[in-house]
Each structure stands twice: as C-alpha cells, then as structure tokens.
Amino acid sequence: MAHIHLRPDWHIAERDATTENAYRSRRRFIRQLGLGGIAATTLGMGSVSGAAGDPDGPLDTIPDNAPRTGLPATRNADYVVPERPLTSRIAASSYNNYYEFISQGDLKTVWPLTGDYNPFPHTIDVRGLVQEKKTFDVDALIALLGIEERLCRFRCVEAWSMTIPWIGFPLAKLIAECAPLSRATHVRFYSVDRPKEMPGIRNARWFDFPYYEALRMDEATSELAFVATGMYGEPLPKQNGSPLRLVLPWKYGYKGAKAISRIEFVDKQPPTFWQDLFPNEYGFLSNVNPNLPHPRWSQAQERHILEEERLERIPTQLFNGYADIVGHLYPDEPTEFQRGVVR
C-alpha cells in the first residue's frame, strides 16, 4: 500500500492539484469503480444536467457565500491516517450518498442536481431539554468556535471507504454552547427539508423527510465526534453536506447527518431515519464493526477509494480504526464474528 505524501502547503489552486481530464471524467470514474450504475435520468425527473444554474463540475458546488473564516485551517496532528493514502478531492466530491437530491438511478452522482440548493444563509435551532432555546447563525458559530483540520477515515455501510481531510470543530464544543440539561441522555439532529431546492425530496415521497439521526450524549461529546464545515481546505460542496454536517469516523456514514438545521436534546433514545425504515438492517449504534455483517453484505472488507478509476480492497478495522478512542463506550460490541445481529 502506498504511503501518504502531503505537501506542507497543499492548499493550492485546483488547476494545479488535478488535471482537466480528471476533473471531467466523473462518469468514467464511477463506471470503472463498479460501485454504481450510470443513468442520465431518474424516474419522474428530466435530465440531470443542462438546466439553468446547474454546476459544471463537482467542485463548482461550493457556495460563493460560504464563510471562509479561519481558512486555511491548521491540521490537528492528533488525527491522522498513516496507513492509508488520501482520497482525491475529485473522488470525494463525485461519489456521494444524498437522498434529498437523488433516490433512483445513478445514486452516487449527486452534484449535478444541487444547482437549485442555496445553503446560505443558514441557522440551526436548538430545542428540547436545554436551559433556553437558541438559534445559531452558522457564520457566527464558525467564528465563535474556530476551526481545525482533521484527517479521518470515512466508512460507508455499503462497504466503500475514503480518507478525507475535514475542516470544522469538535461536536462537544457545539454541545456546550447548546447548554443541555443534565437529564438529557441523547441528542437528535435534523437535516434541511427543502423540496423546492432538493429534487430527491420532491420525487421520493416514500421517504419521510426531513432526515433525522441521533447519538447518545457520551458519543456526542467524544473527542472524535466532529462538525465539518469544509474539506480539502475549502468550504463544503453542496453534495458533501453544506453548510455543515456531522463526521463520526467510528460509525457508518449515514449516522453523519448533513445540512443540519435543528438540534434537539431528549431523555430517551429517539428513532433514526434508516432504523425506522429498515429496523432489521440498521441499528441505532451503527458502529463500524467487521464482526457484524449487514444482512445483505459482509463488513469484513471495504473498497477504499483513492482517486478516479483506482481503489484498494482492504480489511475493515474495529470501530474503523478508532477503538483506542471510543472502544470504552461499547463494552458489549462483539470483537468476534457474529451473524444476524443489528445494533
């Protein structure tokens, strides 16, 4: 396996970071990976490109009015991935799950459908078991809490993975600003629900939007839980969760709610989006664990995406390689293979 080679001044112009051919070859990239079908249309929708305001490429979806306070962010040396190469920026912005935009056809090609979505300005409402109701402006929140960069493993339940340099702040800092009451045991996150801007919401009426996820309080305040406001030295592209999203590197990617618009503190375990839809396949904890296969596929290995047309098959690590940080939170998590268990 190749080693990571990072230039100390890697925040360079995109034209210097990748070739024009690589920038334009997203469909060839996905086809060669064999991770998803190619479709120009979806049921009930027209062409995925060509409409006014459509982006020209996956990096053209960074909102012009996204806050850039603190950029370029300083990398936190405590969070690195020495055993894996960095996933290319084009790959990380071209291969995404985001059902608010697309739910049929070429599910991973999200960025062409984001043209109508306007993430900013954006606020987050804080409700539930808190000392007082609050509403945070994202720009002000970033200025208040500051940002850092963390290099983290990212693992999807579909058994593909990436290594991404996220920018943002610890979720624990945001929790502290929310001032939850002591009897709050869980925190719930809701994503934006804008059917006029998000075609997946308009067309996928079988999903009960807005998207919602939740964590135990000890998970939410773990040092590893992160709120990402950017990646690769820039604000988040729309398809990656702009204006901000959760990054929980020891859990499967669907636990990381995107475009968070509401935070609610509660005193019992709340339901979550995929758990409500498929309780036999998706549990509340959803920790990365090779000993717990998904009912429809193994989790023992993963397809690690490096760049266009290039991936490596590697073994999956317990808690995605973060057992030393979060393992103590889950004393009952199996360390040997088990079948038919959903957590």
Protein backbone atom coordinates (compact mmCIF):
# COMPACT_ATOMS: atom_id res chain seq x y z
CA MET A 1 0.00 0.00 0.00
CA ALA A 2 1.21 3.48 -0.80
CA HIS A 3 2.12 5.92 1.93
CA ILE A 4 0.54 9.35 2.36
CA HIS A 5 2.57 12.15 0.80
CA LEU A 6 1.26 15.57 1.83
CA ARG A 7 2.87 18.85 0.88
CA PRO A 8 3.00 21.32 3.77
CA ASP A 9 1.43 23.95 1.51
CA TRP A 10 -1.06 21.63 -0.13
CA HIS A 11 -3.82 24.27 -0.21
CA ILE A 12 -3.14 25.03 -3.88
CA ALA A 13 -5.28 26.12 -6.79
CA GLU A 14 -7.40 23.26 -8.10
CA ARG A 15 -5.92 23.57 -11.59
CA ASP A 16 -2.56 22.68 -10.05
CA ALA A 17 -3.94 19.80 -7.99
CA THR A 18 -5.58 17.75 -10.73
CA THR A 19 -5.76 17.56 -14.49
CA GLU A 20 -8.65 18.80 -16.57
CA ASN A 21 -9.23 15.24 -17.75
CA ALA A 22 -9.57 14.02 -14.16
CA TYR A 23 -11.95 16.86 -13.34
CA ARG A 24 -14.30 15.99 -16.21
CA SER A 25 -14.20 12.19 -16.02
CA ARG A 26 -16.60 11.55 -13.12
CA ARG A 27 -18.81 9.13 -15.06
CA ARG A 28 -15.84 7.10 -16.26
CA PHE A 29 -14.57 7.08 -12.67
CA ILE A 30 -17.82 5.64 -11.29
CA ARG A 31 -18.21 3.12 -14.10
CA GLN A 32 -14.66 1.81 -13.67
CA LEU A 33 -15.09 1.53 -9.92
CA GLY A 34 -18.09 -0.69 -10.43
CA LEU A 35 -19.80 0.97 -7.45
CA GLY A 36 -22.91 2.24 -9.16
CA GLY A 37 -24.84 2.30 -12.42
CA ILE A 38 -24.84 5.25 -14.77
CA ALA A 39 -28.10 6.92 -15.60
CA ALA A 40 -28.76 10.34 -17.06
CA THR A 41 -32.32 10.45 -15.82
CA THR A 42 -34.35 9.24 -12.89
CA LEU A 43 -37.99 8.27 -12.73
CA GLY A 44 -40.14 11.37 -12.65
CA MET A 45 -37.22 13.66 -13.44
CA GLY A 46 -35.71 15.04 -16.59
CA SER A 47 -32.06 15.27 -17.49
CA VAL A 48 -29.70 15.66 -14.57
CA SER A 49 -27.83 18.40 -16.40
CA GLY A 50 -28.47 21.27 -18.75
CA ALA A 51 -30.89 23.31 -16.65
CA ALA A 52 -30.10 26.89 -15.76
CA GLY A 53 -27.87 27.11 -12.73
CA ASP A 54 -26.52 23.57 -12.99
CA PRO A 55 -22.89 23.24 -11.83
CA ASP A 56 -20.23 22.42 -14.42
CA GLY A 57 -18.34 20.04 -12.13
CA PRO A 58 -18.21 18.61 -8.60
CA LEU A 59 -16.07 21.46 -7.30
CA ASP A 60 -18.34 24.16 -8.71
CA THR A 61 -20.87 23.43 -5.97
CA ILE A 62 -19.07 25.24 -3.15
CA PRO A 63 -21.40 28.16 -2.34
CA ASP A 64 -19.89 31.55 -3.16
CA ASN A 65 -21.20 32.97 0.12
CA ALA A 66 -19.91 30.15 2.34
CA PRO A 67 -17.91 31.52 5.30
CA ARG A 68 -14.14 31.30 4.96
CA THR A 69 -13.23 32.46 8.45
CA GLY A 70 -10.16 30.57 9.64
CA LEU A 71 -9.20 29.11 6.27
CA PRO A 72 -6.78 27.59 5.61
CA ALA A 73 -7.25 25.70 8.86
CA THR A 74 -4.37 24.25 10.86
CA ARG A 75 -4.18 20.48 10.82
CA ASN A 76 -4.60 18.76 14.20
CA ALA A 77 -1.72 16.29 14.33
CA ASP A 78 -3.64 14.04 16.73
CA TYR A 79 -5.93 12.92 13.90
CA VAL A 80 -4.05 11.31 11.03
CA VAL A 81 -4.36 8.13 8.99
CA PRO A 82 -0.79 6.94 8.48
CA GLU A 83 -1.65 3.61 6.87
CA ARG A 84 -3.79 4.93 4.00
CA PRO A 85 -3.36 7.34 1.13
CA LEU A 86 -5.59 10.39 0.92
CA THR A 87 -8.67 10.10 -1.29
CA SER A 88 -8.52 12.59 -4.15
CA ARG A 89 -10.65 15.69 -3.84
CA ILE A 90 -12.48 14.95 -7.10
CA ALA A 91 -13.39 11.43 -5.97
CA ALA A 92 -14.65 12.60 -2.57
CA SER A 93 -16.87 15.21 -4.22
CA SER A 94 -18.11 12.99 -7.07
CA TYR A 95 -19.20 9.84 -5.23
CA ASN A 96 -21.78 10.66 -2.58
CA ASN A 97 -24.95 9.41 -0.90
CA TYR A 98 -27.56 12.13 -0.52
CA TYR A 99 -31.17 11.04 -0.89
CA GLU A 100 -32.53 14.55 -0.59
CA PHE A 101 -31.16 15.08 -4.10
CA ILE A 102 -31.42 11.67 -5.76
CA SER A 103 -33.07 8.40 -4.83
CA GLN A 104 -33.21 6.46 -8.11
CA GLY A 105 -30.87 5.74 -10.99
CA ASP A 106 -27.23 6.77 -10.60
CA LEU A 107 -27.46 7.28 -6.84
CA LYS A 108 -23.88 8.44 -6.33
CA THR A 109 -23.85 11.22 -8.93
CA VAL A 110 -25.34 13.89 -6.70
CA TRP A 111 -23.50 17.09 -7.64
CA PRO A 112 -25.32 17.82 -10.96
CA LEU A 113 -28.61 18.04 -9.04
CA THR A 114 -27.54 20.64 -6.49
CA GLY A 115 -27.88 23.77 -8.64
CA ASP A 116 -31.11 24.99 -7.04
CA TYR A 117 -29.96 24.39 -3.47
CA ASN A 118 -28.84 27.52 -1.60
CA PRO A 119 -27.26 26.53 1.75
CA PHE A 120 -26.51 30.06 2.96
CA PRO A 121 -27.51 31.98 4.95
CA HIS A 122 -28.21 29.19 7.41
CA THR A 123 -29.28 28.90 11.04
CA ILE A 124 -29.55 25.98 13.48
CA ASP A 125 -32.38 25.84 16.00
CA VAL A 126 -31.63 24.28 19.40
CA ARG A 127 -34.64 22.84 21.23
CA GLY A 128 -35.67 20.21 23.76
CA LEU A 129 -34.02 19.77 27.16
CA VAL A 130 -31.87 22.89 27.16
CA GLN A 131 -31.52 25.81 29.52
CA GLU A 132 -33.03 28.04 26.86
CA LYS A 133 -33.98 27.81 23.22
CA LYS A 134 -31.30 29.11 20.89
CA THR A 135 -30.75 29.78 17.23
CA PHE A 136 -27.20 29.82 15.87
CA ASP A 137 -26.11 31.51 12.68
CA VAL A 138 -23.55 29.22 11.03
CA ASP A 139 -21.20 32.06 10.07
CA ALA A 140 -21.19 33.34 13.66
CA LEU A 141 -20.83 29.81 15.03
CA ILE A 142 -17.69 29.18 13.00
CA ALA A 143 -16.21 32.48 14.18
CA LEU A 144 -17.09 31.62 17.79
CA LEU A 145 -15.83 28.04 17.93
CA GLY A 146 -12.93 28.23 15.49
CA ILE A 147 -11.96 25.51 13.04
CA GLU A 148 -9.23 22.93 12.61
CA GLU A 149 -8.41 20.25 10.07
CA ARG A 150 -8.54 16.52 10.80
CA LEU A 151 -7.55 13.68 8.52
CA CYS A 152 -10.08 10.90 9.12
CA ARG A 153 -11.18 7.54 7.79
CA PHE A 154 -14.71 7.54 6.33
CA ARG A 155 -16.63 4.26 6.02
CA CYS A 156 -19.99 3.68 4.31
CA VAL A 157 -22.26 0.79 5.28
CA GLU A 158 -22.14 -0.19 1.59
CA ALA A 159 -18.53 -1.27 2.23
CA TRP A 160 -16.67 1.53 0.46
CA SER A 161 -14.40 3.97 2.22
CA MET A 162 -12.35 7.14 1.81
CA THR A 163 -9.73 9.13 3.71
CA ILE A 164 -10.73 12.80 3.88
CA PRO A 165 -9.25 15.99 5.38
CA TRP A 166 -12.27 17.51 7.12
CA ILE A 167 -12.39 21.07 8.44
CA GLY A 168 -14.58 22.10 11.36
CA PHE A 169 -14.83 21.91 15.15
CA PRO A 170 -15.49 19.25 17.81
CA LEU A 171 -19.16 18.48 18.32
CA ALA A 172 -18.53 18.76 22.07
CA LYS A 173 -17.90 22.50 21.63
CA LEU A 174 -21.28 22.93 19.96
CA ILE A 175 -22.99 20.80 22.63
CA ALA A 176 -21.52 23.06 25.31
CA GLU A 177 -22.92 26.15 23.58
CA CYS A 178 -26.34 24.48 23.44
CA ALA A 179 -26.29 24.10 27.27
CA PRO A 180 -28.36 20.90 27.60
CA LEU A 181 -29.97 19.97 30.90
CA SER A 182 -28.37 17.20 32.96
CA ARG A 183 -31.27 14.82 32.31
CA ALA A 184 -30.70 14.89 28.54
CA THR A 185 -29.41 11.45 27.52
CA HIS A 186 -29.49 11.77 23.73
CA VAL A 187 -29.17 14.44 21.07
CA ARG A 188 -31.11 14.37 17.83
CA PHE A 189 -30.17 16.06 14.54
CA TYR A 190 -32.49 17.09 11.72
CA SER A 191 -31.41 17.96 8.20
CA VAL A 192 -32.87 20.67 5.97
CA ASP A 193 -36.12 19.85 4.19
CA ARG A 194 -36.45 21.96 1.05
CA PRO A 195 -38.40 20.16 -1.66
CA LYS A 196 -38.24 23.17 -3.99
CA GLU A 197 -34.44 23.02 -3.93
CA MET A 198 -33.88 19.29 -3.44
CA PRO A 199 -35.33 17.08 -6.20
CA GLY A 200 -34.90 13.88 -4.21
CA ILE A 201 -37.37 15.12 -1.61
CA ARG A 202 -39.87 16.03 -4.31
CA ASN A 203 -39.65 12.66 -6.04
CA ALA A 204 -39.01 10.18 -3.23
CA ARG A 205 -42.34 10.52 -1.45
CA TRP A 206 -41.83 7.12 0.19
CA PHE A 207 -39.16 8.67 2.45
CA ASP A 208 -40.29 10.62 5.49
CA PHE A 209 -38.12 13.72 5.28
CA PRO A 210 -36.51 15.61 6.93
CA TYR A 211 -33.63 13.23 7.56
CA TYR A 212 -33.03 12.62 11.27
CA GLU A 213 -30.26 10.95 13.25
CA ALA A 214 -29.24 10.75 16.89
CA LEU A 215 -26.43 9.97 19.31
CA ARG A 216 -26.08 9.17 22.96
CA MET A 217 -24.65 12.08 24.89
CA ASP A 218 -21.43 10.21 25.65
CA GLU A 219 -20.99 9.64 21.91
CA ALA A 220 -21.79 13.23 21.02
CA THR A 221 -19.25 14.56 23.49
CA SER A 222 -16.49 12.15 22.45
CA GLU A 223 -13.35 13.91 21.25
CA LEU A 224 -13.75 12.09 17.91
CA ALA A 225 -17.22 13.49 17.09
CA PHE A 226 -16.76 16.37 14.67
CA VAL A 227 -18.83 19.01 12.90
CA ALA A 228 -17.44 19.55 9.41
CA THR A 229 -17.82 22.91 7.71
CA GLY A 230 -15.31 22.18 4.95
CA MET A 231 -12.92 19.70 3.37
CA TYR A 232 -9.70 19.84 1.36
CA GLY A 233 -9.01 23.38 2.52
CA GLU A 234 -12.33 24.80 1.26
CA PRO A 235 -15.93 25.08 2.48
CA LEU A 236 -18.11 22.02 1.95
CA PRO A 237 -19.51 21.40 -1.53
CA LYS A 238 -23.28 21.07 -1.54
CA GLN A 239 -23.20 17.33 -2.19
CA ASN A 240 -20.92 16.80 0.80
CA GLY A 241 -23.38 18.34 3.26
CA SER A 242 -23.08 22.12 3.04
CA PRO A 243 -23.34 24.20 5.16
CA LEU A 244 -22.23 21.75 7.87
CA ARG A 245 -22.51 18.07 8.69
CA LEU A 246 -21.60 15.51 11.33
CA VAL A 247 -18.44 13.45 10.91
CA LEU A 248 -18.38 10.37 13.15
CA PRO A 249 -15.39 8.37 11.90
CA TRP A 250 -16.08 5.26 14.00
CA LYS A 251 -19.65 4.94 12.68
CA TYR A 252 -21.11 4.26 9.25
CA GLY A 253 -21.51 7.36 7.14
CA TYR A 254 -25.31 7.56 7.32
CA LYS A 255 -25.03 8.45 11.02
CA GLY A 256 -23.45 11.77 9.97
CA ALA A 257 -26.44 13.98 9.28
CA LYS A 258 -25.85 16.56 6.54
CA ALA A 259 -27.06 20.18 6.34
CA ILE A 260 -28.12 20.22 9.99
CA SER A 261 -30.94 22.66 10.67
CA ARG A 262 -32.18 21.60 14.12
CA ILE A 263 -30.67 20.02 17.24
CA GLU A 264 -32.92 18.57 19.92
CA PHE A 265 -31.96 17.17 23.32
CA VAL A 266 -34.15 14.37 24.74
CA ASP A 267 -34.19 12.00 27.71
CA LYS A 268 -34.67 8.70 25.88
CA GLN A 269 -33.30 7.03 22.77
CA PRO A 270 -35.06 8.53 19.75
CA PRO A 271 -35.75 6.80 16.44
CA THR A 272 -33.48 7.38 13.45
CA PHE A 273 -34.24 7.63 9.75
CA TRP A 274 -32.90 4.32 8.44
CA GLN A 275 -33.75 2.44 11.62
CA ASP A 276 -37.39 3.43 11.17
CA LEU A 277 -37.35 2.31 7.53
CA PHE A 278 -35.43 -0.96 7.92
CA PRO A 279 -35.15 -1.95 11.59
CA ASN A 280 -33.77 -5.39 10.69
CA GLU A 281 -30.86 -3.85 8.81
CA TYR A 282 -29.91 -0.63 10.62
CA GLY A 283 -29.42 -0.31 14.35
CA PHE A 284 -29.12 2.77 16.50
CA LEU A 285 -25.41 2.47 17.25
CA SER A 286 -24.23 1.58 13.72
CA ASN A 287 -20.59 1.32 14.68
CA VAL A 288 -18.13 0.12 12.06
CA ASN A 289 -17.51 -3.48 13.04
CA PRO A 290 -16.27 -6.24 10.72
CA ASN A 291 -17.74 -8.81 13.13
CA LEU A 292 -21.30 -7.60 12.48
CA PRO A 293 -22.27 -8.21 8.85
CA HIS A 294 -25.09 -6.27 7.30
CA PRO A 295 -27.93 -8.69 6.45
CA ARG A 296 -27.19 -8.21 2.75
CA TRP A 297 -23.39 -7.97 2.66
CA SER A 298 -20.24 -8.59 4.64
CA GLN A 299 -18.48 -5.79 6.50
CA ALA A 300 -15.18 -7.63 6.79
CA GLN A 301 -13.59 -5.78 3.87
CA GLU A 302 -14.06 -2.45 2.14
CA ARG A 303 -13.29 -0.83 -1.20
CA HIS A 304 -11.08 2.12 -0.35
CA ILE A 305 -11.45 4.83 -2.99
CA LEU A 306 -8.20 6.59 -3.80
CA GLU A 307 -8.93 8.55 -6.96
CA GLU A 308 -10.71 8.15 -10.27
CA GLU A 309 -10.53 4.59 -11.57
CA ARG A 310 -8.42 3.48 -8.61
CA LEU A 311 -9.36 1.69 -5.40
CA GLU A 312 -7.90 -0.86 -2.99
CA ARG A 313 -9.62 -3.67 -1.16
CA ILE A 314 -8.58 -3.61 2.48
CA PRO A 315 -9.77 -5.26 5.71
CA THR A 316 -12.17 -3.28 7.88
CA GLN A 317 -10.93 -2.33 11.33
CA LEU A 318 -12.98 -2.45 14.53
CA PHE A 319 -14.54 0.99 15.04
CA ASN A 320 -12.88 1.92 11.75
CA GLY A 321 -9.50 2.02 13.48
CA TYR A 322 -10.58 4.25 16.39
CA ALA A 323 -11.00 1.62 19.12
CA ASP A 324 -8.44 3.34 21.32
CA ILE A 325 -10.62 6.46 21.43
CA VAL A 326 -14.20 5.14 21.51
CA GLY A 327 -13.92 1.44 22.34
CA HIS A 328 -14.64 2.01 26.03
CA LEU A 329 -18.09 3.37 25.11
CA TYR A 330 -19.21 -0.03 23.81
CA PRO A 331 -18.26 -2.84 26.20
CA ASP A 332 -20.82 -5.17 24.54
CA GLU A 333 -19.63 -4.63 20.97
CA PRO A 334 -18.53 -8.03 19.57
CA THR A 335 -14.86 -8.49 18.84
CA GLU A 336 -15.51 -11.88 17.20
CA PHE A 337 -17.75 -12.66 14.25
CA GLN A 338 -21.50 -12.72 14.94
CA ARG A 339 -24.32 -13.32 12.47
CA GLY A 340 -27.74 -11.73 12.37
CA VAL A 341 -27.13 -9.01 14.97
CA VAL A 342 -28.26 -5.44 14.34
CA ARG A 343 -27.07 -2.73 16.70
